[in-house]
Amino acid sequence: MNTPKKQPPSQNNRISKKQNTQNRGNQKHGIRNAKPRLSLAKVLQDLSPSLATYLEKSADNQEKIVDADMRIANSVSKLTERLVSEGPNIKFNIYPGPMRKKSKKSHNTHHQRVKKIILTMRKKLKTYEEIARFLEKEDIPTFTKRGRWHAQTVHRLYQDYPES
């Protein structure tokens, strides 16, 4: 009888040891039966719809960014044209300071008197410090009737008064 030849025992042992080592490694990492690997073509085919959606959304977002940049460029262009055309007639308030409520005390005669003094002296190009010293020298009380006149207070009041 012809019986098929068996491989030498050393090769048989090597293969089985290798398979056993792989199986033990898979069991260590929680993998019992390794799944067959997917081909790259299959992965790309499965992902192509979501990639197409992603690329469409990206293109839409890029268009929105370009539109926003164009609006900014137009605004800057209009501002530049205005600056060039109006030149020295434009008044800038670069340091607006904190927003304050306009004083409602202007009906008070004491406030009216102080306002008149400040406006008159500013027209004569007096400094805020000079105006504060004048108010102190003339014993004109502050609005709270306590404390002293300071250049900063005079400056704030002058800014609150509309041009008269």
Protein backbone atom coordinates (compact mmCIF):
# COMPACT_ATOMS: atom_id res chain seq x y z
CA MET A 1 0.00 0.00 0.00
CA ASN A 2 0.99 3.40 -0.83
CA THR A 3 0.52 5.81 1.98
CA PRO A 4 1.19 9.48 1.60
CA LYS A 5 4.47 10.59 3.00
CA LYS A 6 4.35 12.60 6.12
CA GLN A 7 6.54 15.60 6.62
CA PRO A 8 9.43 15.15 8.89
CA PRO A 9 8.40 15.68 12.48
CA SER A 10 10.64 18.74 12.93
CA GLN A 11 8.74 20.80 10.31
CA ASN A 12 5.39 19.66 11.65
CA ASN A 13 6.39 20.77 15.11
CA ARG A 14 7.60 24.17 13.86
CA ILE A 15 4.31 25.00 12.17
CA SER A 16 2.22 23.96 15.09
CA LYS A 17 4.43 25.88 17.53
CA LYS A 18 4.13 29.01 15.35
CA GLN A 19 0.34 28.69 15.19
CA ASN A 20 0.17 28.10 18.92
CA THR A 21 2.27 31.20 19.58
CA GLN A 22 -0.04 33.33 17.40
CA ASN A 23 -3.13 31.94 19.08
CA ARG A 24 -1.70 32.62 22.54
CA GLY A 25 -0.80 36.20 21.48
CA ASN A 26 -4.30 36.79 20.21
CA GLN A 27 -5.80 35.42 23.40
CA LYS A 28 -3.57 37.76 25.47
CA HIS A 29 -4.92 40.79 23.61
CA GLY A 30 -8.52 39.64 23.78
CA ILE A 31 -8.70 38.46 20.17
CA ARG A 32 -10.14 34.99 19.87
CA ASN A 33 -10.58 34.54 16.18
CA ALA A 34 -8.87 37.11 13.99
CA LYS A 35 -11.18 38.49 11.30
CA PRO A 36 -10.00 38.29 7.73
CA ARG A 37 -8.39 41.52 6.56
CA LEU A 38 -10.39 43.81 4.30
CA SER A 39 -8.91 44.83 1.02
CA LEU A 40 -8.05 48.47 0.45
CA ALA A 41 -10.46 48.61 -2.47
CA LYS A 42 -13.33 47.42 -0.25
CA VAL A 43 -12.49 50.00 2.45
CA LEU A 44 -12.37 52.83 -0.10
CA GLN A 45 -15.61 51.68 -1.66
CA ASP A 46 -17.32 51.69 1.75
CA LEU A 47 -15.95 55.13 2.62
CA SER A 48 -16.55 56.85 -0.70
CA PRO A 49 -20.09 58.13 0.14
CA SER A 50 -18.97 59.69 3.42
CA LEU A 51 -15.82 61.10 1.79
CA ALA A 52 -17.96 62.68 -0.93
CA THR A 53 -20.23 64.25 1.70
CA TYR A 54 -17.22 65.54 3.62
CA LEU A 55 -15.68 67.07 0.49
CA GLU A 56 -18.98 68.75 -0.44
CA LYS A 57 -19.30 70.29 3.02
CA SER A 58 -15.66 71.43 2.89
CA ALA A 59 -16.25 73.09 -0.47
CA ASP A 60 -19.36 74.87 0.90
CA ASN A 61 -17.41 76.11 3.93
CA GLN A 62 -14.60 77.37 1.72
CA GLU A 63 -17.12 79.32 -0.36
CA LYS A 64 -18.53 80.90 2.81
CA ILE A 65 -15.03 81.88 3.93
CA VAL A 66 -14.30 83.46 0.55
CA ASP A 67 -17.61 85.39 0.71
CA ALA A 68 -16.79 86.68 4.20
CA ASP A 69 -13.31 87.74 3.07
CA MET A 70 -14.84 89.58 0.11
CA ARG A 71 -17.25 91.44 2.40
CA ILE A 72 -14.35 92.46 4.64
CA ALA A 73 -12.32 93.62 1.64
CA ASN A 74 -15.29 95.69 0.37
CA SER A 75 -15.74 97.29 3.78
CA VAL A 76 -12.06 98.19 4.01
CA SER A 77 -12.20 99.58 0.47
CA LYS A 78 -15.22 101.78 1.29
CA LEU A 79 -13.55 103.01 4.49
CA THR A 80 -10.38 103.84 2.59
CA GLU A 81 -12.34 105.74 -0.06
CA ARG A 82 -14.12 107.71 2.66
CA LEU A 83 -10.87 108.55 4.39
CA VAL A 84 -9.32 109.74 1.16
CA SER A 85 -12.35 111.76 0.05
CA GLU A 86 -13.12 113.45 3.37
CA GLY A 87 -9.50 113.77 4.46
CA PRO A 88 -9.05 116.31 7.26
CA ASN A 89 -12.81 116.75 7.82
CA ILE A 90 -13.09 113.41 9.64
CA LYS A 91 -13.08 113.59 13.44
CA PHE A 92 -11.79 110.53 15.24
CA ASN A 93 -12.44 109.75 18.84
CA ILE A 94 -9.60 107.26 19.29
CA TYR A 95 -9.84 107.11 23.08
CA PRO A 96 -13.55 107.30 23.84
CA GLY A 97 -13.13 106.43 27.50
CA PRO A 98 -15.82 104.82 29.58
CA MET A 99 -19.40 105.46 28.62
CA ARG A 100 -21.09 107.78 31.08
CA LYS A 101 -24.62 108.98 31.40
CA LYS A 102 -24.94 112.61 30.58
CA SER A 103 -25.49 114.63 33.68
CA LYS A 104 -29.13 115.44 34.36
CA LYS A 105 -28.01 118.05 36.88
CA SER A 106 -27.68 120.75 34.20
CA HIS A 107 -30.96 122.32 35.40
CA ASN A 108 -29.31 123.16 38.71
CA THR A 109 -28.00 126.75 38.76
CA HIS A 110 -24.77 125.70 40.53
CA HIS A 111 -24.09 123.20 37.75
CA GLN A 112 -24.92 125.80 35.13
CA ARG A 113 -22.47 128.24 36.74
CA VAL A 114 -19.65 125.65 36.83
CA LYS A 115 -20.38 124.63 33.25
CA LYS A 116 -20.19 128.25 32.10
CA ILE A 117 -16.87 128.78 33.89
CA ILE A 118 -15.33 125.61 32.42
CA LEU A 119 -16.51 126.32 28.87
CA THR A 120 -15.36 129.96 29.01
CA MET A 121 -11.93 129.10 30.35
CA ARG A 122 -11.45 126.28 27.80
CA LYS A 123 -12.24 128.75 25.01
CA LYS A 124 -9.44 130.91 26.44
CA LEU A 125 -7.19 127.81 26.13
CA LYS A 126 -6.80 127.32 29.89
CA THR A 127 -5.71 123.87 31.02
CA TYR A 128 -7.88 121.62 33.16
CA GLU A 129 -5.42 122.12 36.02
CA GLU A 130 -5.71 125.91 35.75
CA ILE A 131 -9.51 125.67 35.74
CA ALA A 132 -9.46 123.40 38.83
CA ARG A 133 -7.17 125.85 40.65
CA PHE A 134 -9.47 128.75 39.70
CA LEU A 135 -12.55 126.91 41.04
CA GLU A 136 -10.69 126.18 44.29
CA LYS A 137 -9.44 129.78 44.60
CA GLU A 138 -12.96 131.14 44.09
CA ASP A 139 -14.30 128.72 46.74
CA ILE A 140 -16.79 127.24 44.33
CA PRO A 141 -17.93 123.99 45.96
CA THR A 142 -17.83 120.66 44.19
CA PHE A 143 -21.15 119.09 43.30
CA THR A 144 -21.01 116.85 46.36
CA LYS A 145 -20.11 119.84 48.58
CA ARG A 146 -17.10 117.95 49.88
CA GLY A 147 -13.68 117.32 48.43
CA ARG A 148 -11.70 119.49 46.07
CA TRP A 149 -11.65 120.32 42.38
CA HIS A 150 -9.17 118.27 40.36
CA ALA A 151 -8.05 118.55 36.74
CA GLN A 152 -9.42 115.09 36.04
CA THR A 153 -12.87 116.10 37.33
CA VAL A 154 -12.88 119.25 35.22
CA HIS A 155 -11.82 117.23 32.18
CA ARG A 156 -14.63 114.70 32.71
CA LEU A 157 -17.19 117.46 33.10
CA TYR A 158 -15.95 119.24 29.99
CA GLN A 159 -16.32 116.04 27.98
CA ASP A 160 -19.87 115.59 29.28
CA TYR A 161 -20.93 119.09 28.19
CA PRO A 162 -22.20 119.35 24.64
CA GLU A 163 -20.48 122.00 22.55
CA SER A 164 -22.25 125.28 23.34
